[in-house]
Amino acid sequence: GKKEDETYEYLRKEIYEFASEKLIVKTPVTWVLFRKVLQVLVRQSKKNVVTLEYACAVGAACKINPEDVPIALMFYHELGVVLFYPHIEGLRDKVILSPKW
């Protein structure tokens, strides 16, 4: 067959390297467990909104320091997994576990 243009080969290699090095987010195992537990709670309790205090209790059960729970929630907020708005009055103590997009 016909040889592929070297530009495509180079581009494919660059995209692969970028994706494998830059797009991987290192997440603490405790945060992954925290997210999984929250997902199970949504399925079992049919509760979509919990208090920050409740999320902190779940975080503590997952061995996350209480001061790190809001950081984990913001991390998952940025990924679109949960909604957490600590800067908005009336929402700062609420966590939406399963956003409907």
N, C-alpha and C. Protein backbone atom coordinates (compact mmCIF):
# COMPACT_ATOMS: atom_id res chain seq x y z
N GLY A 1 0.79 -1.18 0.00
CA GLY A 1 0.00 0.00 0.00
C GLY A 1 0.83 1.25 0.00
N LYS A 2 0.11 2.30 0.00
CA LYS A 2 0.69 3.64 -0.04
C LYS A 2 1.18 4.04 1.36
N LYS A 3 2.37 4.65 1.44
CA LYS A 3 2.93 5.07 2.73
C LYS A 3 2.19 6.32 3.22
N GLU A 4 1.91 6.32 4.54
CA GLU A 4 1.19 7.45 5.15
C GLU A 4 2.09 8.68 5.21
N ASP A 5 1.51 9.83 5.04
CA ASP A 5 2.22 11.09 5.15
C ASP A 5 2.85 11.20 6.54
N GLU A 6 4.12 11.59 6.60
CA GLU A 6 4.84 11.70 7.88
C GLU A 6 4.20 12.71 8.82
N THR A 7 3.52 13.70 8.27
CA THR A 7 2.86 14.71 9.10
C THR A 7 1.80 14.07 9.98
N TYR A 8 1.02 13.14 9.42
CA TYR A 8 -0.02 12.45 10.19
C TYR A 8 0.60 11.59 11.29
N GLU A 9 1.69 10.94 10.95
CA GLU A 9 2.38 10.09 11.92
C GLU A 9 2.89 10.95 13.09
N TYR A 10 3.50 12.08 12.77
CA TYR A 10 4.00 13.00 13.78
C TYR A 10 2.86 13.53 14.65
N LEU A 11 1.77 13.96 14.02
CA LEU A 11 0.62 14.50 14.73
C LEU A 11 0.01 13.46 15.66
N ARG A 12 -0.14 12.24 15.19
CA ARG A 12 -0.69 11.16 16.01
C ARG A 12 0.19 10.92 17.24
N LYS A 13 1.52 10.92 17.04
CA LYS A 13 2.46 10.71 18.15
C LYS A 13 2.36 11.85 19.16
N GLU A 14 2.28 13.08 18.71
CA GLU A 14 2.19 14.24 19.61
C GLU A 14 0.88 14.22 20.41
N ILE A 15 -0.21 13.88 19.76
CA ILE A 15 -1.51 13.81 20.45
C ILE A 15 -1.48 12.72 21.50
N TYR A 16 -0.94 11.58 21.16
CA TYR A 16 -0.84 10.47 22.11
C TYR A 16 -0.02 10.87 23.33
N GLU A 17 1.14 11.49 23.10
CA GLU A 17 2.00 11.89 24.22
C GLU A 17 1.32 12.93 25.10
N PHE A 18 0.66 13.90 24.48
CA PHE A 18 -0.05 14.92 25.25
C PHE A 18 -1.14 14.29 26.10
N ALA A 19 -1.94 13.44 25.50
CA ALA A 19 -3.05 12.81 26.21
C ALA A 19 -2.57 11.93 27.35
N SER A 20 -1.51 11.20 27.14
CA SER A 20 -1.05 10.27 28.18
C SER A 20 -0.28 10.98 29.29
N GLU A 21 0.28 12.15 29.02
CA GLU A 21 1.05 12.86 30.04
C GLU A 21 0.24 13.97 30.71
N LYS A 22 -0.52 14.71 29.96
CA LYS A 22 -1.17 15.92 30.49
C LYS A 22 -2.62 15.72 30.93
N LEU A 23 -3.32 14.76 30.37
CA LEU A 23 -4.73 14.62 30.67
C LEU A 23 -5.02 13.65 31.80
N ILE A 24 -3.99 13.04 32.34
CA ILE A 24 -4.18 12.12 33.46
C ILE A 24 -4.14 12.93 34.75
N VAL A 25 -5.21 12.82 35.53
CA VAL A 25 -5.31 13.54 36.79
C VAL A 25 -5.08 12.54 37.92
N LYS A 26 -4.07 12.80 38.71
CA LYS A 26 -3.81 11.93 39.85
C LYS A 26 -4.80 12.28 40.95
N THR A 27 -5.58 11.29 41.34
CA THR A 27 -6.62 11.48 42.34
C THR A 27 -6.32 10.57 43.52
N PRO A 28 -6.37 11.10 44.75
CA PRO A 28 -6.16 10.23 45.91
C PRO A 28 -7.19 9.10 45.93
N VAL A 29 -6.76 7.94 46.33
CA VAL A 29 -7.66 6.77 46.39
C VAL A 29 -8.85 7.05 47.30
N THR A 30 -8.60 7.78 48.39
CA THR A 30 -9.70 8.10 49.30
C THR A 30 -10.77 8.95 48.62
N TRP A 31 -10.35 9.82 47.69
CA TRP A 31 -11.32 10.65 46.96
C TRP A 31 -12.14 9.79 45.99
N VAL A 32 -11.49 8.82 45.38
CA VAL A 32 -12.20 7.91 44.47
C VAL A 32 -13.25 7.13 45.26
N LEU A 33 -12.86 6.63 46.42
CA LEU A 33 -13.80 5.91 47.29
C LEU A 33 -14.95 6.82 47.69
N PHE A 34 -14.64 8.06 48.06
CA PHE A 34 -15.64 9.07 48.44
C PHE A 34 -16.68 9.24 47.33
N ARG A 35 -16.20 9.39 46.11
CA ARG A 35 -17.11 9.55 44.97
C ARG A 35 -17.99 8.32 44.79
N LYS A 36 -17.39 7.14 44.89
CA LYS A 36 -18.15 5.89 44.73
C LYS A 36 -19.22 5.76 45.81
N VAL A 37 -18.87 6.08 47.05
CA VAL A 37 -19.84 6.00 48.15
C VAL A 37 -20.99 6.97 47.90
N LEU A 38 -20.68 8.19 47.47
CA LEU A 38 -21.73 9.16 47.17
C LEU A 38 -22.64 8.65 46.06
N GLN A 39 -22.09 8.02 45.03
CA GLN A 39 -22.90 7.46 43.95
C GLN A 39 -23.84 6.38 44.46
N VAL A 40 -23.34 5.52 45.34
CA VAL A 40 -24.16 4.45 45.91
C VAL A 40 -25.29 5.05 46.75
N LEU A 41 -24.97 6.08 47.52
CA LEU A 41 -25.99 6.74 48.34
C LEU A 41 -27.11 7.32 47.49
N VAL A 42 -26.76 7.89 46.35
CA VAL A 42 -27.78 8.44 45.45
C VAL A 42 -28.70 7.33 44.97
N ARG A 43 -28.11 6.22 44.56
CA ARG A 43 -28.91 5.09 44.05
C ARG A 43 -29.79 4.48 45.13
N GLN A 44 -29.23 4.30 46.33
CA GLN A 44 -29.97 3.61 47.38
C GLN A 44 -31.01 4.49 48.06
N SER A 45 -30.66 5.73 48.31
CA SER A 45 -31.57 6.59 49.08
C SER A 45 -32.45 7.45 48.19
N LYS A 46 -32.14 7.50 46.91
CA LYS A 46 -32.85 8.38 45.97
C LYS A 46 -32.75 9.84 46.38
N LYS A 47 -31.74 10.15 47.21
CA LYS A 47 -31.51 11.51 47.68
C LYS A 47 -30.47 12.15 46.76
N ASN A 48 -30.82 13.29 46.18
CA ASN A 48 -29.92 13.94 45.25
C ASN A 48 -29.16 15.11 45.88
N VAL A 49 -29.66 15.61 47.00
CA VAL A 49 -29.01 16.73 47.67
C VAL A 49 -28.74 16.34 49.11
N VAL A 50 -27.50 16.57 49.54
CA VAL A 50 -27.13 16.32 50.94
C VAL A 50 -26.47 17.58 51.49
N THR A 51 -26.39 17.65 52.80
CA THR A 51 -25.71 18.78 53.43
C THR A 51 -24.20 18.58 53.36
N LEU A 52 -23.48 19.67 53.48
CA LEU A 52 -22.02 19.60 53.53
C LEU A 52 -21.61 18.78 54.75
N GLU A 53 -22.33 18.93 55.85
CA GLU A 53 -22.03 18.16 57.06
C GLU A 53 -22.13 16.65 56.78
N TYR A 54 -23.17 16.25 56.05
CA TYR A 54 -23.34 14.84 55.70
C TYR A 54 -22.19 14.38 54.79
N ALA A 55 -21.84 15.22 53.80
CA ALA A 55 -20.73 14.89 52.90
C ALA A 55 -19.42 14.76 53.69
N CYS A 56 -19.24 15.60 54.71
CA CYS A 56 -18.04 15.52 55.54
C CYS A 56 -18.03 14.21 56.34
N ALA A 57 -19.21 13.77 56.80
CA ALA A 57 -19.29 12.50 57.52
C ALA A 57 -18.94 11.33 56.59
N VAL A 58 -19.40 11.39 55.36
CA VAL A 58 -19.05 10.37 54.37
C VAL A 58 -17.55 10.43 54.10
N GLY A 59 -17.02 11.64 53.96
CA GLY A 59 -15.59 11.81 53.75
C GLY A 59 -14.78 11.23 54.89
N ALA A 60 -15.23 11.46 56.13
CA ALA A 60 -14.53 10.92 57.30
C ALA A 60 -14.53 9.39 57.26
N ALA A 61 -15.66 8.81 56.85
CA ALA A 61 -15.75 7.35 56.75
C ALA A 61 -14.80 6.82 55.67
N CYS A 62 -14.48 7.68 54.70
CA CYS A 62 -13.55 7.31 53.62
C CYS A 62 -12.11 7.73 53.94
N LYS A 63 -11.88 8.16 55.18
CA LYS A 63 -10.54 8.55 55.65
C LYS A 63 -10.03 9.84 55.00
N ILE A 64 -10.96 10.77 54.73
CA ILE A 64 -10.58 12.09 54.20
C ILE A 64 -10.66 13.07 55.36
N ASN A 65 -9.63 13.88 55.53
CA ASN A 65 -9.64 14.90 56.57
C ASN A 65 -10.79 15.88 56.33
N PRO A 66 -11.47 16.32 57.38
CA PRO A 66 -12.62 17.22 57.21
C PRO A 66 -12.31 18.46 56.38
N GLU A 67 -11.10 19.02 56.53
CA GLU A 67 -10.77 20.23 55.76
C GLU A 67 -10.53 19.92 54.28
N ASP A 68 -10.33 18.65 53.93
CA ASP A 68 -10.10 18.28 52.54
C ASP A 68 -11.39 17.93 51.79
N VAL A 69 -12.47 17.71 52.52
CA VAL A 69 -13.74 17.33 51.86
C VAL A 69 -14.21 18.43 50.89
N PRO A 70 -14.23 19.72 51.30
CA PRO A 70 -14.62 20.75 50.33
C PRO A 70 -13.71 20.80 49.10
N ILE A 71 -12.44 20.49 49.29
CA ILE A 71 -11.50 20.47 48.16
C ILE A 71 -11.86 19.32 47.21
N ALA A 72 -12.16 18.16 47.78
CA ALA A 72 -12.58 17.02 46.96
C ALA A 72 -13.88 17.33 46.24
N LEU A 73 -14.81 17.98 46.94
CA LEU A 73 -16.09 18.35 46.31
C LEU A 73 -15.89 19.33 45.16
N MET A 74 -14.98 20.29 45.34
CA MET A 74 -14.69 21.24 44.24
C MET A 74 -14.03 20.53 43.06
N PHE A 75 -13.16 19.58 43.36
CA PHE A 75 -12.53 18.78 42.30
C PHE A 75 -13.61 18.08 41.48
N TYR A 76 -14.54 17.41 42.15
CA TYR A 76 -15.61 16.70 41.44
C TYR A 76 -16.62 17.66 40.83
N HIS A 77 -16.76 18.85 41.42
CA HIS A 77 -17.61 19.89 40.83
C HIS A 77 -17.04 20.31 39.47
N GLU A 78 -15.73 20.52 39.44
CA GLU A 78 -15.08 20.94 38.19
C GLU A 78 -15.18 19.86 37.11
N LEU A 79 -15.27 18.60 37.52
CA LEU A 79 -15.45 17.51 36.56
C LEU A 79 -16.91 17.33 36.16
N GLY A 80 -17.82 18.02 36.87
CA GLY A 80 -19.25 17.90 36.57
C GLY A 80 -19.92 16.71 37.24
N VAL A 81 -19.25 16.09 38.19
CA VAL A 81 -19.78 14.91 38.87
C VAL A 81 -20.78 15.30 39.94
N VAL A 82 -20.47 16.37 40.68
CA VAL A 82 -21.37 16.92 41.69
C VAL A 82 -21.45 18.42 41.46
N LEU A 83 -22.41 19.06 42.13
CA LEU A 83 -22.47 20.52 42.14
C LEU A 83 -22.25 20.96 43.57
N PHE A 84 -21.30 21.88 43.75
CA PHE A 84 -20.96 22.38 45.08
C PHE A 84 -20.57 23.84 44.91
N TYR A 85 -21.32 24.73 45.58
CA TYR A 85 -21.11 26.17 45.45
C TYR A 85 -20.85 26.80 46.82
N PRO A 86 -19.64 26.65 47.36
CA PRO A 86 -19.35 27.19 48.69
C PRO A 86 -19.36 28.71 48.76
N HIS A 87 -19.31 29.37 47.63
CA HIS A 87 -19.28 30.83 47.57
C HIS A 87 -20.67 31.46 47.40
N ILE A 88 -21.72 30.65 47.28
CA ILE A 88 -23.06 31.18 47.08
C ILE A 88 -23.90 30.94 48.34
N GLU A 89 -24.36 32.05 48.92
CA GLU A 89 -25.20 31.98 50.11
C GLU A 89 -26.43 31.13 49.80
N GLY A 90 -26.78 30.25 50.70
CA GLY A 90 -27.93 29.38 50.50
C GLY A 90 -27.57 28.06 49.86
N LEU A 91 -26.42 28.00 49.20
CA LEU A 91 -25.96 26.75 48.57
C LEU A 91 -24.66 26.24 49.18
N ARG A 92 -24.02 27.07 50.01
CA ARG A 92 -22.69 26.70 50.49
C ARG A 92 -22.69 25.46 51.37
N ASP A 93 -23.83 25.12 51.96
CA ASP A 93 -23.88 23.92 52.80
C ASP A 93 -24.64 22.78 52.14
N LYS A 94 -24.80 22.87 50.81
CA LYS A 94 -25.51 21.83 50.05
C LYS A 94 -24.59 21.23 48.99
N VAL A 95 -24.79 19.94 48.75
CA VAL A 95 -24.06 19.24 47.68
C VAL A 95 -25.07 18.51 46.84
N ILE A 96 -25.10 18.83 45.55
CA ILE A 96 -25.98 18.12 44.61
C ILE A 96 -25.18 16.97 44.05
N LEU A 97 -25.64 15.76 44.36
CA LEU A 97 -24.86 14.56 44.07
C LEU A 97 -24.96 14.07 42.64
N SER A 98 -26.08 14.33 42.01
CA SER A 98 -26.27 13.80 40.67
C SER A 98 -26.88 14.89 39.78
N PRO A 99 -26.03 15.80 39.29
CA PRO A 99 -26.56 16.89 38.46
C PRO A 99 -27.23 16.36 37.19
N LYS A 100 -28.33 16.94 36.86
CA LYS A 100 -29.04 16.57 35.62
C LYS A 100 -28.68 17.60 34.56
N TRP A 101 -27.91 17.20 33.61
CA TRP A 101 -27.47 18.13 32.56
C TRP A 101 -28.38 18.06 31.39
